[in-house]
């Protein structure tokens, strides 16, 4: 006596898998396999070394990593910049301050915090050069509060407030400087400011302040900034869950509530809590970033799986140029294809 047995047939056709007699075919290409790490490394390296947008900004150092370590890196155009090269990072400081505020508030931001960190509080006249002091004595005595109250060399005062700009995006360091004072940091000089920010972010996030301005005063290296980015990926900092939240539009050409942005007019990025969201409808990939004027460009991809850095110091500026190159390196890494 034989028992009836149910047999599941698997038919194979080149390029197509059929599961069962009535199953719809599933093409092999419909399920994208993960990109092998060696392909990512090759694609990112070749792009960093050879893409025209990247050769244009040489020399620089680049790095891509995950929650635990750097996975690929290189010095391009010579050894001027390495993982340990210290440099001023300008507006990449903003992400550090944004994370500090979120950490100090234990992830529970007030409306005032959100408005300041998305640059909609009406402060439009802060000069990022007005608080830079050359002599050590003057540099050590400069405070967050003094910096906010000093005159702008181009006219007016750093603390000038424009009621017409309230509620509208205006990229300027005054929003952060005022919020820092409201948080009790007004009397801090460079050393005290470093201590107070590290108290919340951790002393393993190593940096100094060259001037006590929250939006642009940090000096650090790619290696040290990578620690900060890995802590975000590891959810060791509250800002991990708030990346991209409360974002506002920033392009005056396409957004009625935007007054000024340093991003080129053909890009419509959003601005979140001390960092950009690269959300342009045509070219954006949703990455979170914080490019500095001198060319230091850190990012985290939209899936919060990888971080990356382009590190260099160009005295004539170049944050956007680094973002273009860095974005191409990121695209190469994510796709495994040379750009």
C-alpha atoms as a PDB file:
ATOM      1  CA  UNK A   1       0.000   0.000   0.000  1.00  0.00           C
ATOM      2  CA  UNK A   2       1.445   3.319  -1.033  1.00  0.00           C
ATOM      3  CA  UNK A   3       0.767   6.643   0.712  1.00  0.00           C
ATOM      4  CA  UNK A   4       0.026   9.563  -1.516  1.00  0.00           C
ATOM      5  CA  UNK A   5       2.789  12.117  -1.318  1.00  0.00           C
ATOM      6  CA  UNK A   6       2.606  15.838  -2.107  1.00  0.00           C
ATOM      7  CA  UNK A   7       5.645  16.812  -4.127  1.00  0.00           C
ATOM      8  CA  UNK A   8       6.599  20.471  -4.616  1.00  0.00           C
ATOM      9  CA  UNK A   9       8.034  20.849  -8.077  1.00  0.00           C
ATOM     10  CA  UNK A  10      10.673  23.381  -8.860  1.00  0.00           C
ATOM     11  CA  UNK A  11      11.071  23.999 -12.557  1.00  0.00           C
ATOM     12  CA  UNK A  12      14.126  25.774 -13.816  1.00  0.00           C
ATOM     13  CA  UNK A  13      14.278  27.960 -16.874  1.00  0.00           C
ATOM     14  CA  UNK A  14      17.429  29.972 -17.546  1.00  0.00           C
ATOM     15  CA  UNK A  15      17.014  33.304 -15.784  1.00  0.00           C
ATOM     16  CA  UNK A  16      13.596  32.333 -14.326  1.00  0.00           C
ATOM     17  CA  UNK A  17      12.567  30.370 -11.233  1.00  0.00           C
ATOM     18  CA  UNK A  18       9.109  28.767 -11.014  1.00  0.00           C
ATOM     19  CA  UNK A  19       7.864  27.614  -7.625  1.00  0.00           C
ATOM     20  CA  UNK A  20       4.951  25.211  -8.033  1.00  0.00           C
ATOM     21  CA  UNK A  21       2.746  24.646 -11.021  1.00  0.00           C
ATOM     22  CA  UNK A  22       0.632  27.777 -10.581  1.00  0.00           C
ATOM     23  CA  UNK A  23       3.267  30.166  -9.266  1.00  0.00           C
ATOM     24  CA  UNK A  24       4.071  33.344 -11.132  1.00  0.00           C
ATOM     25  CA  UNK A  25       7.610  33.436 -12.511  1.00  0.00           C
ATOM     26  CA  UNK A  26      10.159  35.450 -10.572  1.00  0.00           C
ATOM     27  CA  UNK A  27      13.098  36.623 -12.610  1.00  0.00           C
ATOM     28  CA  UNK A  28      16.506  36.272 -11.042  1.00  0.00           C
ATOM     29  CA  UNK A  29      17.143  39.982 -11.577  1.00  0.00           C
ATOM     30  CA  UNK A  30      14.049  40.923  -9.552  1.00  0.00           C
ATOM     31  CA  UNK A  31      15.863  40.179  -6.299  1.00  0.00           C
ATOM     32  CA  UNK A  32      18.942  42.403  -6.052  1.00  0.00           C
ATOM     33  CA  UNK A  33      21.832  40.661  -4.331  1.00  0.00           C
ATOM     34  CA  UNK A  34      23.862  42.653  -1.813  1.00  0.00           C
ATOM     35  CA  UNK A  35      26.836  44.467  -3.275  1.00  0.00           C
ATOM     36  CA  UNK A  36      30.088  42.726  -2.409  1.00  0.00           C
ATOM     37  CA  UNK A  37      32.442  44.817  -0.296  1.00  0.00           C
ATOM     38  CA  UNK A  38      35.357  44.351  -2.695  1.00  0.00           C
ATOM     39  CA  UNK A  39      33.209  45.814  -5.496  1.00  0.00           C
ATOM     40  CA  UNK A  40      32.297  48.769  -3.302  1.00  0.00           C
ATOM     41  CA  UNK A  41      35.943  49.422  -2.430  1.00  0.00           C
ATOM     42  CA  UNK A  42      37.050  49.225  -6.057  1.00  0.00           C
ATOM     43  CA  UNK A  43      34.258  51.507  -7.275  1.00  0.00           C
ATOM     44  CA  UNK A  44      34.763  54.111  -4.553  1.00  0.00           C
ATOM     45  CA  UNK A  45      38.543  54.125  -4.950  1.00  0.00           C
ATOM     46  CA  UNK A  46      38.453  54.489  -8.721  1.00  0.00           C
ATOM     47  CA  UNK A  47      35.878  57.264  -8.472  1.00  0.00           C
ATOM     48  CA  UNK A  48      37.901  59.166  -5.855  1.00  0.00           C
ATOM     49  CA  UNK A  49      41.062  58.896  -7.930  1.00  0.00           C
ATOM     50  CA  UNK A  50      39.750  59.415 -11.441  1.00  0.00           C
ATOM     51  CA  UNK A  51      36.359  61.148 -11.616  1.00  0.00           C
ATOM     52  CA  UNK A  52      36.786  64.706 -12.888  1.00  0.00           C
ATOM     53  CA  UNK A  53      34.811  66.150  -9.971  1.00  0.00           C
ATOM     54  CA  UNK A  54      37.277  64.515  -7.587  1.00  0.00           C
ATOM     55  CA  UNK A  55      40.498  65.239  -9.448  1.00  0.00           C
ATOM     56  CA  UNK A  56      39.412  68.887  -9.385  1.00  0.00           C
ATOM     57  CA  UNK A  57      39.640  69.036  -5.581  1.00  0.00           C
ATOM     58  CA  UNK A  58      42.891  67.153  -5.034  1.00  0.00           C
ATOM     59  CA  UNK A  59      44.591  66.754  -2.667  1.00  0.00           C
ATOM     60  CA  UNK A  60      42.117  65.242  -0.209  1.00  0.00           C
ATOM     61  CA  UNK A  61      41.509  62.278   2.071  1.00  0.00           C
ATOM     62  CA  UNK A  62      38.368  60.176   1.838  1.00  0.00           C
ATOM     63  CA  UNK A  63      36.909  57.458   4.013  1.00  0.00           C
ATOM     64  CA  UNK A  64      33.830  55.270   4.130  1.00  0.00           C
ATOM     65  CA  UNK A  65      32.890  53.085   7.072  1.00  0.00           C
ATOM     66  CA  UNK A  66      30.113  51.476   9.065  1.00  0.00           C
ATOM     67  CA  UNK A  67      29.141  51.276  12.738  1.00  0.00           C
ATOM     68  CA  UNK A  68      32.437  49.804  13.835  1.00  0.00           C
ATOM     69  CA  UNK A  69      35.260  50.749  11.489  1.00  0.00           C
ATOM     70  CA  UNK A  70      36.540  52.353   8.331  1.00  0.00           C
ATOM     71  CA  UNK A  71      36.002  50.024   5.385  1.00  0.00           C
ATOM     72  CA  UNK A  72      37.815  51.954   2.662  1.00  0.00           C
ATOM     73  CA  UNK A  73      39.942  55.080   2.565  1.00  0.00           C
ATOM     74  CA  UNK A  74      42.704  56.833   0.714  1.00  0.00           C
ATOM     75  CA  UNK A  75      44.807  59.955   0.305  1.00  0.00           C
ATOM     76  CA  UNK A  76      44.354  61.298  -3.217  1.00  0.00           C
ATOM     77  CA  UNK A  77      46.798  63.651  -4.920  1.00  0.00           C
ATOM     78  CA  UNK A  78      49.581  63.067  -2.419  1.00  0.00           C
ATOM     79  CA  UNK A  79      49.810  62.693   1.355  1.00  0.00           C
ATOM     80  CA  UNK A  80      48.864  66.263   2.255  1.00  0.00           C
ATOM     81  CA  UNK A  81      45.749  64.925   3.988  1.00  0.00           C
ATOM     82  CA  UNK A  82      45.434  61.687   5.934  1.00  0.00           C
ATOM     83  CA  UNK A  83      42.971  60.354   8.498  1.00  0.00           C
ATOM     84  CA  UNK A  84      44.848  62.181  11.276  1.00  0.00           C
ATOM     85  CA  UNK A  85      45.357  65.585   9.648  1.00  0.00           C
ATOM     86  CA  UNK A  86      43.922  68.297  11.895  1.00  0.00           C
ATOM     87  CA  UNK A  87      42.026  71.079  10.152  1.00  0.00           C
ATOM     88  CA  UNK A  88      39.249  73.642  10.653  1.00  0.00           C
ATOM     89  CA  UNK A  89      36.010  72.063   9.472  1.00  0.00           C
ATOM     90  CA  UNK A  90      33.880  75.237   9.305  1.00  0.00           C
ATOM     91  CA  UNK A  91      30.181  74.406   8.920  1.00  0.00           C
ATOM     92  CA  UNK A  92      30.691  70.702   9.560  1.00  0.00           C
ATOM     93  CA  UNK A  93      30.702  72.022  13.155  1.00  0.00           C
ATOM     94  CA  UNK A  94      26.946  72.476  12.881  1.00  0.00           C
ATOM     95  CA  UNK A  95      26.234  68.742  12.983  1.00  0.00           C
ATOM     96  CA  UNK A  96      28.251  68.458  16.205  1.00  0.00           C
ATOM     97  CA  UNK A  97      26.274  71.263  17.831  1.00  0.00           C
ATOM     98  CA  UNK A  98      22.975  69.840  16.592  1.00  0.00           C
ATOM     99  CA  UNK A  99      23.852  66.490  18.148  1.00  0.00           C
ATOM    100  CA  UNK A 100      24.892  68.214  21.370  1.00  0.00           C
ATOM    101  CA  UNK A 101      21.560  70.014  21.698  1.00  0.00           C
ATOM    102  CA  UNK A 102      19.572  66.837  21.018  1.00  0.00           C
ATOM    103  CA  UNK A 103      21.704  64.947  23.550  1.00  0.00           C
ATOM    104  CA  UNK A 104      21.372  67.633  26.209  1.00  0.00           C
ATOM    105  CA  UNK A 105      17.598  67.569  25.713  1.00  0.00           C
ATOM    106  CA  UNK A 106      17.570  63.740  25.775  1.00  0.00           C
ATOM    107  CA  UNK A 107      15.887  63.731  22.401  1.00  0.00           C
ATOM    108  CA  UNK A 108      12.996  65.961  23.501  1.00  0.00           C
ATOM    109  CA  UNK A 109      13.451  69.238  21.664  1.00  0.00           C
ATOM    110  CA  UNK A 110      11.440  72.379  22.312  1.00  0.00           C
ATOM    111  CA  UNK A 111       9.932  74.407  19.494  1.00  0.00           C
ATOM    112  CA  UNK A 112      12.640  76.998  20.123  1.00  0.00           C
ATOM    113  CA  UNK A 113      15.371  74.379  19.781  1.00  0.00           C
ATOM    114  CA  UNK A 114      13.928  73.142  16.501  1.00  0.00           C
ATOM    115  CA  UNK A 115      13.559  76.632  15.083  1.00  0.00           C
ATOM    116  CA  UNK A 116      17.173  77.520  15.907  1.00  0.00           C
ATOM    117  CA  UNK A 117      18.606  74.250  14.599  1.00  0.00           C
ATOM    118  CA  UNK A 118      16.678  74.657  11.339  1.00  0.00           C
ATOM    119  CA  UNK A 119      17.766  78.300  11.035  1.00  0.00           C
ATOM    120  CA  UNK A 120      14.379  79.965  11.122  1.00  0.00           C
ATOM    121  CA  UNK A 121      14.753  82.233  14.190  1.00  0.00           C
ATOM    122  CA  UNK A 122      15.423  85.515  12.396  1.00  0.00           C
ATOM    123  CA  UNK A 123      19.174  85.911  12.970  1.00  0.00           C
ATOM    124  CA  UNK A 124      20.719  86.848   9.645  1.00  0.00           C
ATOM    125  CA  UNK A 125      23.810  88.989  10.288  1.00  0.00           C
ATOM    126  CA  UNK A 126      26.327  86.793  12.122  1.00  0.00           C
ATOM    127  CA  UNK A 127      29.841  86.932  10.602  1.00  0.00           C
ATOM    128  CA  UNK A 128      31.930  83.788  10.898  1.00  0.00           C
ATOM    129  CA  UNK A 129      35.169  85.797  10.787  1.00  0.00           C
ATOM    130  CA  UNK A 130      34.274  88.380  13.429  1.00  0.00           C
ATOM    131  CA  UNK A 131      35.116  86.089  16.371  1.00  0.00           C
ATOM    132  CA  UNK A 132      38.425  84.740  15.074  1.00  0.00           C
ATOM    133  CA  UNK A 133      41.323  86.000  17.191  1.00  0.00           C
ATOM    134  CA  UNK A 134      44.980  85.650  16.205  1.00  0.00           C
ATOM    135  CA  UNK A 135      46.747  86.460  19.482  1.00  0.00           C
ATOM    136  CA  UNK A 136      46.546  83.621  22.052  1.00  0.00           C
ATOM    137  CA  UNK A 137      45.445  85.905  24.878  1.00  0.00           C
ATOM    138  CA  UNK A 138      42.562  87.367  22.885  1.00  0.00           C
ATOM    139  CA  UNK A 139      41.650  83.950  21.545  1.00  0.00           C
ATOM    140  CA  UNK A 140      41.499  82.426  25.024  1.00  0.00           C
ATOM    141  CA  UNK A 141      39.358  85.228  26.425  1.00  0.00           C
ATOM    142  CA  UNK A 142      36.780  85.286  23.618  1.00  0.00           C
ATOM    143  CA  UNK A 143      33.459  83.766  24.711  1.00  0.00           C
ATOM    144  CA  UNK A 144      30.290  82.543  23.044  1.00  0.00           C
ATOM    145  CA  UNK A 145      28.430  85.588  24.349  1.00  0.00           C
ATOM    146  CA  UNK A 146      31.080  88.103  23.298  1.00  0.00           C
ATOM    147  CA  UNK A 147      31.180  86.532  19.866  1.00  0.00           C
ATOM    148  CA  UNK A 148      27.422  86.974  19.482  1.00  0.00           C
ATOM    149  CA  UNK A 149      27.514  90.606  20.614  1.00  0.00           C
ATOM    150  CA  UNK A 150      30.473  91.742  18.498  1.00  0.00           C
ATOM    151  CA  UNK A 151      30.189  93.897  15.392  1.00  0.00           C
ATOM    152  CA  UNK A 152      29.964  92.395  11.943  1.00  0.00           C
ATOM    153  CA  UNK A 153      32.864  93.801   9.861  1.00  0.00           C
ATOM    154  CA  UNK A 154      30.462  94.319   6.972  1.00  0.00           C
ATOM    155  CA  UNK A 155      28.024  96.334   9.076  1.00  0.00           C
ATOM    156  CA  UNK A 156      25.675  95.929  11.982  1.00  0.00           C
ATOM    157  CA  UNK A 157      26.095  93.466  14.819  1.00  0.00           C
ATOM    158  CA  UNK A 158      26.268  89.671  14.981  1.00  0.00           C
ATOM    159  CA  UNK A 159      23.178  89.685  17.179  1.00  0.00           C
ATOM    160  CA  UNK A 160      21.038  91.665  14.732  1.00  0.00           C
ATOM    161  CA  UNK A 161      17.550  90.211  14.457  1.00  0.00           C
ATOM    162  CA  UNK A 162      15.265  90.520  11.440  1.00  0.00           C
ATOM    163  CA  UNK A 163      11.587  90.112  12.239  1.00  0.00           C
ATOM    164  CA  UNK A 164      10.820  89.594   8.549  1.00  0.00           C
ATOM    165  CA  UNK A 165      13.042  86.521   8.566  1.00  0.00           C
ATOM    166  CA  UNK A 166      11.323  84.868  11.525  1.00  0.00           C
ATOM    167  CA  UNK A 167       9.945  81.493  10.484  1.00  0.00           C
ATOM    168  CA  UNK A 168      11.925  81.496   7.240  1.00  0.00           C
ATOM    169  CA  UNK A 169      15.129  79.634   6.442  1.00  0.00           C
ATOM    170  CA  UNK A 170      18.203  81.846   6.435  1.00  0.00           C
ATOM    171  CA  UNK A 171      21.543  80.048   6.574  1.00  0.00           C
ATOM    172  CA  UNK A 172      23.526  81.902   9.245  1.00  0.00           C
ATOM    173  CA  UNK A 173      25.478  81.095  12.401  1.00  0.00           C
ATOM    174  CA  UNK A 174      23.507  83.548  14.528  1.00  0.00           C
ATOM    175  CA  UNK A 175      20.713  81.027  15.150  1.00  0.00           C
ATOM    176  CA  UNK A 176      23.131  78.586  16.778  1.00  0.00           C
ATOM    177  CA  UNK A 177      25.034  81.242  18.715  1.00  0.00           C
ATOM    178  CA  UNK A 178      21.834  82.558  20.307  1.00  0.00           C
ATOM    179  CA  UNK A 179      20.638  79.044  21.144  1.00  0.00           C
ATOM    180  CA  UNK A 180      23.985  78.277  22.790  1.00  0.00           C
ATOM    181  CA  UNK A 181      23.585  81.329  25.014  1.00  0.00           C
ATOM    182  CA  UNK A 182      20.041  80.250  25.902  1.00  0.00           C
ATOM    183  CA  UNK A 183      21.459  76.840  26.861  1.00  0.00           C
ATOM    184  CA  UNK A 184      23.878  78.445  29.322  1.00  0.00           C
ATOM    185  CA  UNK A 185      27.041  78.411  27.208  1.00  0.00           C
ATOM    186  CA  UNK A 186      27.383  82.186  26.888  1.00  0.00           C
ATOM    187  CA  UNK A 187      30.368  82.519  29.248  1.00  0.00           C
ATOM    188  CA  UNK A 188      32.310  79.662  27.626  1.00  0.00           C
ATOM    189  CA  UNK A 189      35.620  80.317  25.926  1.00  0.00           C
ATOM    190  CA  UNK A 190      37.088  77.787  23.493  1.00  0.00           C
ATOM    191  CA  UNK A 191      38.323  75.353  26.146  1.00  0.00           C
ATOM    192  CA  UNK A 192      35.150  75.503  28.236  1.00  0.00           C
ATOM    193  CA  UNK A 193      32.981  75.093  25.152  1.00  0.00           C
ATOM    194  CA  UNK A 194      34.899  71.990  24.125  1.00  0.00           C
ATOM    195  CA  UNK A 195      34.476  70.542  27.626  1.00  0.00           C
ATOM    196  CA  UNK A 196      30.761  71.254  27.800  1.00  0.00           C
ATOM    197  CA  UNK A 197      29.985  69.800  24.376  1.00  0.00           C
ATOM    198  CA  UNK A 198      32.113  66.703  25.005  1.00  0.00           C
ATOM    199  CA  UNK A 199      30.311  66.197  28.300  1.00  0.00           C
ATOM    200  CA  UNK A 200      27.275  65.139  26.272  1.00  0.00           C
ATOM    201  CA  UNK A 201      28.832  63.709  23.114  1.00  0.00           C
ATOM    202  CA  UNK A 202      31.654  61.863  24.908  1.00  0.00           C
ATOM    203  CA  UNK A 203      35.344  62.559  25.283  1.00  0.00           C
ATOM    204  CA  UNK A 204      36.011  59.988  22.550  1.00  0.00           C
ATOM    205  CA  UNK A 205      34.713  62.610  20.102  1.00  0.00           C
ATOM    206  CA  UNK A 206      37.960  64.589  19.972  1.00  0.00           C
ATOM    207  CA  UNK A 207      38.018  68.192  18.737  1.00  0.00           C
ATOM    208  CA  UNK A 208      38.897  71.719  19.766  1.00  0.00           C
ATOM    209  CA  UNK A 209      37.357  75.112  19.093  1.00  0.00           C
ATOM    210  CA  UNK A 210      39.455  77.667  17.234  1.00  0.00           C
ATOM    211  CA  UNK A 211      36.810  80.279  17.965  1.00  0.00           C
ATOM    212  CA  UNK A 212      33.739  79.964  20.221  1.00  0.00           C
ATOM    213  CA  UNK A 213      31.191  79.822  17.428  1.00  0.00           C
ATOM    214  CA  UNK A 214      28.921  76.816  17.366  1.00  0.00           C
ATOM    215  CA  UNK A 215      28.221  76.928  13.660  1.00  0.00           C
ATOM    216  CA  UNK A 216      31.806  76.953  12.442  1.00  0.00           C
ATOM    217  CA  UNK A 217      34.532  76.924  15.085  1.00  0.00           C
ATOM    218  CA  UNK A 218      35.592  73.279  15.344  1.00  0.00           C
ATOM    219  CA  UNK A 219      39.047  71.897  14.495  1.00  0.00           C
ATOM    220  CA  UNK A 220      39.400  68.128  14.159  1.00  0.00           C
ATOM    221  CA  UNK A 221      40.496  65.304  11.861  1.00  0.00           C
ATOM    222  CA  UNK A 222      38.657  62.826   9.663  1.00  0.00           C
ATOM    223  CA  UNK A 223      39.578  60.072  12.099  1.00  0.00           C
ATOM    224  CA  UNK A 224      38.041  61.921  15.037  1.00  0.00           C
ATOM    225  CA  UNK A 225      34.943  63.026  13.148  1.00  0.00           C
ATOM    226  CA  UNK A 226      34.415  59.416  12.077  1.00  0.00           C
ATOM    227  CA  UNK A 227      34.061  58.466  15.754  1.00  0.00           C
ATOM    228  CA  UNK A 228      31.186  60.941  15.988  1.00  0.00           C
ATOM    229  CA  UNK A 229      29.504  59.514  12.870  1.00  0.00           C
ATOM    230  CA  UNK A 230      29.897  55.938  14.090  1.00  0.00           C
ATOM    231  CA  UNK A 231      28.263  56.884  17.393  1.00  0.00           C
ATOM    232  CA  UNK A 232      25.283  58.144  15.404  1.00  0.00           C
ATOM    233  CA  UNK A 233      25.114  54.915  13.387  1.00  0.00           C
ATOM    234  CA  UNK A 234      25.340  52.922  16.634  1.00  0.00           C
ATOM    235  CA  UNK A 235      22.451  54.885  18.162  1.00  0.00           C
ATOM    236  CA  UNK A 236      24.726  56.036  20.973  1.00  0.00           C
ATOM    237  CA  UNK A 237      23.476  59.566  20.358  1.00  0.00           C
ATOM    238  CA  UNK A 238      19.834  60.613  20.358  1.00  0.00           C
ATOM    239  CA  UNK A 239      20.232  62.407  17.055  1.00  0.00           C
ATOM    240  CA  UNK A 240      20.421  59.031  15.321  1.00  0.00           C
ATOM    241  CA  UNK A 241      16.619  58.753  15.421  1.00  0.00           C
ATOM    242  CA  UNK A 242      16.162  62.416  14.510  1.00  0.00           C
ATOM    243  CA  UNK A 243      18.264  62.614  11.353  1.00  0.00           C
ATOM    244  CA  UNK A 244      16.244  64.392   8.703  1.00  0.00           C
ATOM    245  CA  UNK A 245      13.383  65.271  11.055  1.00  0.00           C
ATOM    246  CA  UNK A 246      11.766  68.725  11.270  1.00  0.00           C
ATOM    247  CA  UNK A 247      13.424  69.477   7.915  1.00  0.00           C
ATOM    248  CA  UNK A 248      12.655  72.747   6.147  1.00  0.00           C
ATOM    249  CA  UNK A 249      13.018  73.681   2.495  1.00  0.00           C
ATOM    250  CA  UNK A 250      15.951  75.951   1.712  1.00  0.00           C
ATOM    251  CA  UNK A 251      15.991  77.071  -1.918  1.00  0.00           C
ATOM    252  CA  UNK A 252      14.496  80.574  -2.360  1.00  0.00           C
ATOM    253  CA  UNK A 253      13.782  79.795  -6.031  1.00  0.00           C
ATOM    254  CA  UNK A 254      11.501  76.880  -5.156  1.00  0.00           C
ATOM    255  CA  UNK A 255      10.480  77.586  -1.554  1.00  0.00           C
ATOM    256  CA  UNK A 256       8.447  80.563  -0.351  1.00  0.00           C
ATOM    257  CA  UNK A 257       9.742  80.159   3.231  1.00  0.00           C
ATOM    258  CA  UNK A 258      13.442  80.267   2.305  1.00  0.00           C
ATOM    259  CA  UNK A 259      15.464  83.492   2.139  1.00  0.00           C
ATOM    260  CA  UNK A 260      19.101  82.428   1.764  1.00  0.00           C
ATOM    261  CA  UNK A 261      21.062  79.217   1.192  1.00  0.00           C
ATOM    262  CA  UNK A 262      24.731  78.598   0.284  1.00  0.00           C
ATOM    263  CA  UNK A 263      23.710  75.585  -1.798  1.00  0.00           C
ATOM    264  CA  UNK A 264      23.682  76.266  -5.574  1.00  0.00           C
ATOM    265  CA  UNK A 265      20.376  77.479  -6.955  1.00  0.00           C
ATOM    266  CA  UNK A 266      19.858  74.349  -9.040  1.00  0.00           C
ATOM    267  CA  UNK A 267      19.671  72.175  -5.893  1.00  0.00           C
ATOM    268  CA  UNK A 268      16.714  71.980  -3.537  1.00  0.00           C
ATOM    269  CA  UNK A 269      18.019  70.370  -0.360  1.00  0.00           C
ATOM    270  CA  UNK A 270      16.265  70.416   2.998  1.00  0.00           C
ATOM    271  CA  UNK A 271      17.793  71.402   6.333  1.00  0.00           C
ATOM    272  CA  UNK A 272      17.254  69.374   9.468  1.00  0.00           C
ATOM    273  CA  UNK A 273      18.759  69.669  12.962  1.00  0.00           C
ATOM    274  CA  UNK A 274      22.193  71.073  12.181  1.00  0.00           C
ATOM    275  CA  UNK A 275      22.610  69.052   9.003  1.00  0.00           C
ATOM    276  CA  UNK A 276      21.506  68.966   5.383  1.00  0.00           C
ATOM    277  CA  UNK A 277      19.219  66.403   3.812  1.00  0.00           C
ATOM    278  CA  UNK A 278      20.299  65.911   0.198  1.00  0.00           C
ATOM    279  CA  UNK A 279      16.727  65.599  -1.024  1.00  0.00           C
ATOM    280  CA  UNK A 280      16.792  67.345  -4.396  1.00  0.00           C
ATOM    281  CA  UNK A 281      13.974  65.772  -6.478  1.00  0.00           C
ATOM    282  CA  UNK A 282      16.207  65.329  -9.520  1.00  0.00           C
ATOM    283  CA  UNK A 283      19.610  64.414  -8.117  1.00  0.00           C
ATOM    284  CA  UNK A 284      19.318  63.847  -4.377  1.00  0.00           C
ATOM    285  CA  UNK A 285      19.819  60.478  -2.695  1.00  0.00           C
ATOM    286  CA  UNK A 286      18.483  61.450   0.732  1.00  0.00           C
ATOM    287  CA  UNK A 287      21.865  61.418   2.466  1.00  0.00           C
ATOM    288  CA  UNK A 288      22.464  63.470   5.608  1.00  0.00           C
ATOM    289  CA  UNK A 289      25.501  65.757   5.468  1.00  0.00           C
ATOM    290  CA  UNK A 290      27.201  68.892   6.759  1.00  0.00           C
ATOM    291  CA  UNK A 291      29.693  70.357   4.291  1.00  0.00           C
ATOM    292  CA  UNK A 292      32.080  73.020   5.554  1.00  0.00           C
ATOM    293  CA  UNK A 293      33.217  76.026   3.546  1.00  0.00           C
ATOM    294  CA  UNK A 294      36.848  74.867   3.460  1.00  0.00           C
ATOM    295  CA  UNK A 295      35.937  71.501   1.952  1.00  0.00           C
ATOM    296  CA  UNK A 296      35.385  69.134   4.898  1.00  0.00           C
ATOM    297  CA  UNK A 297      32.365  67.029   3.917  1.00  0.00           C
ATOM    298  CA  UNK A 298      30.903  64.362   6.252  1.00  0.00           C
ATOM    299  CA  UNK A 299      27.824  62.285   5.415  1.00  0.00           C
ATOM    300  CA  UNK A 300      25.616  59.381   6.481  1.00  0.00           C
ATOM    301  CA  UNK A 301      23.613  57.541   3.838  1.00  0.00           C
ATOM    302  CA  UNK A 302      19.824  57.590   4.022  1.00  0.00           C
ATOM    303  CA  UNK A 303      19.657  54.002   5.344  1.00  0.00           C
ATOM    304  CA  UNK A 304      21.990  54.941   8.233  1.00  0.00           C
ATOM    305  CA  UNK A 305      24.272  52.056   7.338  1.00  0.00           C
ATOM    306  CA  UNK A 306      27.409  53.839   6.143  1.00  0.00           C
ATOM    307  CA  UNK A 307      29.220  57.090   6.844  1.00  0.00           C
ATOM    308  CA  UNK A 308      31.719  58.911   4.698  1.00  0.00           C
ATOM    309  CA  UNK A 309      34.107  61.858   4.816  1.00  0.00           C
ATOM    310  CA  UNK A 310      35.993  63.983   2.332  1.00  0.00           C
ATOM    311  CA  UNK A 311      38.658  65.901   4.268  1.00  0.00           C
ATOM    312  CA  UNK A 312      40.654  68.842   2.963  1.00  0.00           C
ATOM    313  CA  UNK A 313      41.200  72.540   3.610  1.00  0.00           C
ATOM    314  CA  UNK A 314      40.872  74.933   0.702  1.00  0.00           C
ATOM    315  CA  UNK A 315      41.346  78.530   1.810  1.00  0.00           C
ATOM    316  CA  UNK A 316      39.232  79.757  -1.106  1.00  0.00           C
ATOM    317  CA  UNK A 317      36.266  77.649  -0.077  1.00  0.00           C
ATOM    318  CA  UNK A 318      34.915  74.524  -1.684  1.00  0.00           C
ATOM    319  CA  UNK A 319      32.282  72.858   0.481  1.00  0.00           C
ATOM    320  CA  UNK A 320      30.011  72.278  -2.481  1.00  0.00           C
ATOM    321  CA  UNK A 321      32.860  70.940  -4.611  1.00  0.00           C
ATOM    322  CA  UNK A 322      33.690  68.410  -1.910  1.00  0.00           C
ATOM    323  CA  UNK A 323      30.007  67.489  -1.656  1.00  0.00           C
ATOM    324  CA  UNK A 324      29.868  66.765  -5.385  1.00  0.00           C
ATOM    325  CA  UNK A 325      32.936  64.533  -5.245  1.00  0.00           C
ATOM    326  CA  UNK A 326      31.839  62.944  -1.966  1.00  0.00           C
ATOM    327  CA  UNK A 327      28.374  62.267  -3.350  1.00  0.00           C
ATOM    328  CA  UNK A 328      29.890  60.452  -6.325  1.00  0.00           C
ATOM    329  CA  UNK A 329      32.108  58.368  -4.053  1.00  0.00           C
ATOM    330  CA  UNK A 330      29.009  57.517  -2.020  1.00  0.00           C
ATOM    331  CA  UNK A 331      27.096  56.533  -5.162  1.00  0.00           C
ATOM    332  CA  UNK A 332      29.980  54.332  -6.264  1.00  0.00           C
ATOM    333  CA  UNK A 333      30.078  52.676  -2.844  1.00  0.00           C
ATOM    334  CA  UNK A 334      26.358  52.059  -2.624  1.00  0.00           C
ATOM    335  CA  UNK A 335      26.075  50.697  -6.170  1.00  0.00           C
ATOM    336  CA  UNK A 336      29.429  49.001  -6.584  1.00  0.00           C
ATOM    337  CA  UNK A 337      29.866  50.818  -9.888  1.00  0.00           C
ATOM    338  CA  UNK A 338      32.592  53.315 -10.752  1.00  0.00           C
ATOM    339  CA  UNK A 339      31.248  56.817 -11.311  1.00  0.00           C
END
